[in-house]
C-alpha atoms as a PDB file:
ATOM      1  CA  UNK A   1      -3.643 -14.319   4.694  1.00  0.00           C
ATOM      2  CA  UNK A   2      -6.648 -15.558   5.794  1.00  0.00           C
ATOM      3  CA  UNK A   3      -8.202 -15.643   9.338  1.00  0.00           C
ATOM      4  CA  UNK A   4     -10.758 -18.428  10.680  1.00  0.00           C
ATOM      5  CA  UNK A   5     -12.418 -15.849  13.002  1.00  0.00           C
ATOM      6  CA  UNK A   6     -12.386 -12.611  10.641  1.00  0.00           C
ATOM      7  CA  UNK A   7     -14.543 -12.965   7.305  1.00  0.00           C
ATOM      8  CA  UNK A   8     -12.778 -11.135   4.523  1.00  0.00           C
ATOM      9  CA  UNK A   9     -14.782 -10.010   1.620  1.00  0.00           C
ATOM     10  CA  UNK A  10     -12.473 -12.291  -1.724  1.00  0.00           C
ATOM     11  CA  UNK A  11     -14.569 -10.968  -4.523  1.00  0.00           C
ATOM     12  CA  UNK A  12     -12.171 -11.456  -7.928  1.00  0.00           C
ATOM     13  CA  UNK A  13     -13.891 -11.253 -11.773  1.00  0.00           C
ATOM     14  CA  UNK A  14     -11.709 -13.924 -13.644  1.00  0.00           C
ATOM     15  CA  UNK A  15     -11.224 -13.340 -17.598  1.00  0.00           C
ATOM     16  CA  UNK A  16     -10.815 -16.412 -19.720  1.00  0.00           C
ATOM     17  CA  UNK A  17     -10.092 -16.243 -23.371  1.00  0.00           C
ATOM     18  CA  UNK A  18     -10.141 -18.734 -26.006  1.00  0.00           C
ATOM     19  CA  UNK A  19      -9.516 -17.738 -30.000  1.00  0.00           C
ATOM     20  CA  UNK A  20     -12.380 -18.300 -32.082  1.00  0.00           C
ATOM     21  CA  UNK A  21     -10.801 -19.656 -35.210  1.00  0.00           C
ATOM     22  CA  UNK A  22      -9.815 -22.596 -33.153  1.00  0.00           C
ATOM     23  CA  UNK A  23     -12.865 -24.788 -32.583  1.00  0.00           C
ATOM     24  CA  UNK A  24     -11.339 -27.069 -30.104  1.00  0.00           C
ATOM     25  CA  UNK A  25      -9.123 -24.648 -28.397  1.00  0.00           C
ATOM     26  CA  UNK A  26      -8.900 -24.237 -24.607  1.00  0.00           C
ATOM     27  CA  UNK A  27      -9.915 -21.508 -22.767  1.00  0.00           C
ATOM     28  CA  UNK A  28      -6.807 -19.854 -20.872  1.00  0.00           C
ATOM     29  CA  UNK A  29      -6.831 -17.377 -17.754  1.00  0.00           C
ATOM     30  CA  UNK A  30      -6.014 -13.860 -19.434  1.00  0.00           C
ATOM     31  CA  UNK A  31      -6.296 -12.335 -16.066  1.00  0.00           C
ATOM     32  CA  UNK A  32      -8.474 -10.549 -13.242  1.00  0.00           C
ATOM     33  CA  UNK A  33     -10.888  -7.986 -12.550  1.00  0.00           C
ATOM     34  CA  UNK A  34     -10.861  -6.652  -8.921  1.00  0.00           C
ATOM     35  CA  UNK A  35     -13.146  -4.200  -8.021  1.00  0.00           C
ATOM     36  CA  UNK A  36     -12.433  -0.580  -7.313  1.00  0.00           C
ATOM     37  CA  UNK A  37     -14.025  -0.298  -3.775  1.00  0.00           C
ATOM     38  CA  UNK A  38     -11.949  -3.495  -2.868  1.00  0.00           C
ATOM     39  CA  UNK A  39      -8.681  -2.955  -0.353  1.00  0.00           C
ATOM     40  CA  UNK A  40      -5.102  -2.903  -2.487  1.00  0.00           C
ATOM     41  CA  UNK A  41      -4.200  -6.635  -2.518  1.00  0.00           C
ATOM     42  CA  UNK A  42      -0.987  -7.516  -0.807  1.00  0.00           C
ATOM     43  CA  UNK A  43       1.978  -8.042  -2.901  1.00  0.00           C
ATOM     44  CA  UNK A  44       3.477 -11.630  -3.324  1.00  0.00           C
ATOM     45  CA  UNK A  45       6.669 -12.146  -2.252  1.00  0.00           C
ATOM     46  CA  UNK A  46       8.330 -13.978  -5.185  1.00  0.00           C
ATOM     47  CA  UNK A  47       9.836 -17.224  -4.865  1.00  0.00           C
ATOM     48  CA  UNK A  48      12.838 -18.905  -6.504  1.00  0.00           C
ATOM     49  CA  UNK A  49      14.860 -22.103  -6.166  1.00  0.00           C
ATOM     50  CA  UNK A  50      18.314 -21.798  -4.664  1.00  0.00           C
ATOM     51  CA  UNK A  51      20.757 -23.224  -6.992  1.00  0.00           C
ATOM     52  CA  UNK A  52      23.001 -25.954  -5.123  1.00  0.00           C
ATOM     53  CA  UNK A  53      26.660 -24.800  -4.202  1.00  0.00           C
ATOM     54  CA  UNK A  54      29.349 -27.550  -4.530  1.00  0.00           C
ATOM     55  CA  UNK A  55      32.587 -26.198  -3.298  1.00  0.00           C
ATOM     56  CA  UNK A  56      34.741 -28.804  -5.126  1.00  0.00           C
ATOM     57  CA  UNK A  57      33.273 -27.878  -8.327  1.00  0.00           C
ATOM     58  CA  UNK A  58      36.078 -25.792  -9.177  1.00  0.00           C
ATOM     59  CA  UNK A  59      39.297 -28.473  -8.412  1.00  0.00           C
ATOM     60  CA  UNK A  60      39.948 -30.246 -11.030  1.00  0.00           C
ATOM     61  CA  UNK A  61      40.739 -34.410 -10.374  1.00  0.00           C
ATOM     62  CA  UNK A  62      44.351 -35.588 -10.775  1.00  0.00           C
END
């Protein structure tokens, strides 16, 4: 993560792709290239939406 008092080198190369056969196609982000001299990037923890649990959903209404 960032810190306002400690500078950090954040050089990344971004690779875009576009199909040549589609003249009006959009450029898409294909990937990133990190130089080998940079330190390893910290892994990002995956996030997800926790499903809501309804305790009365299994009971039938008479």
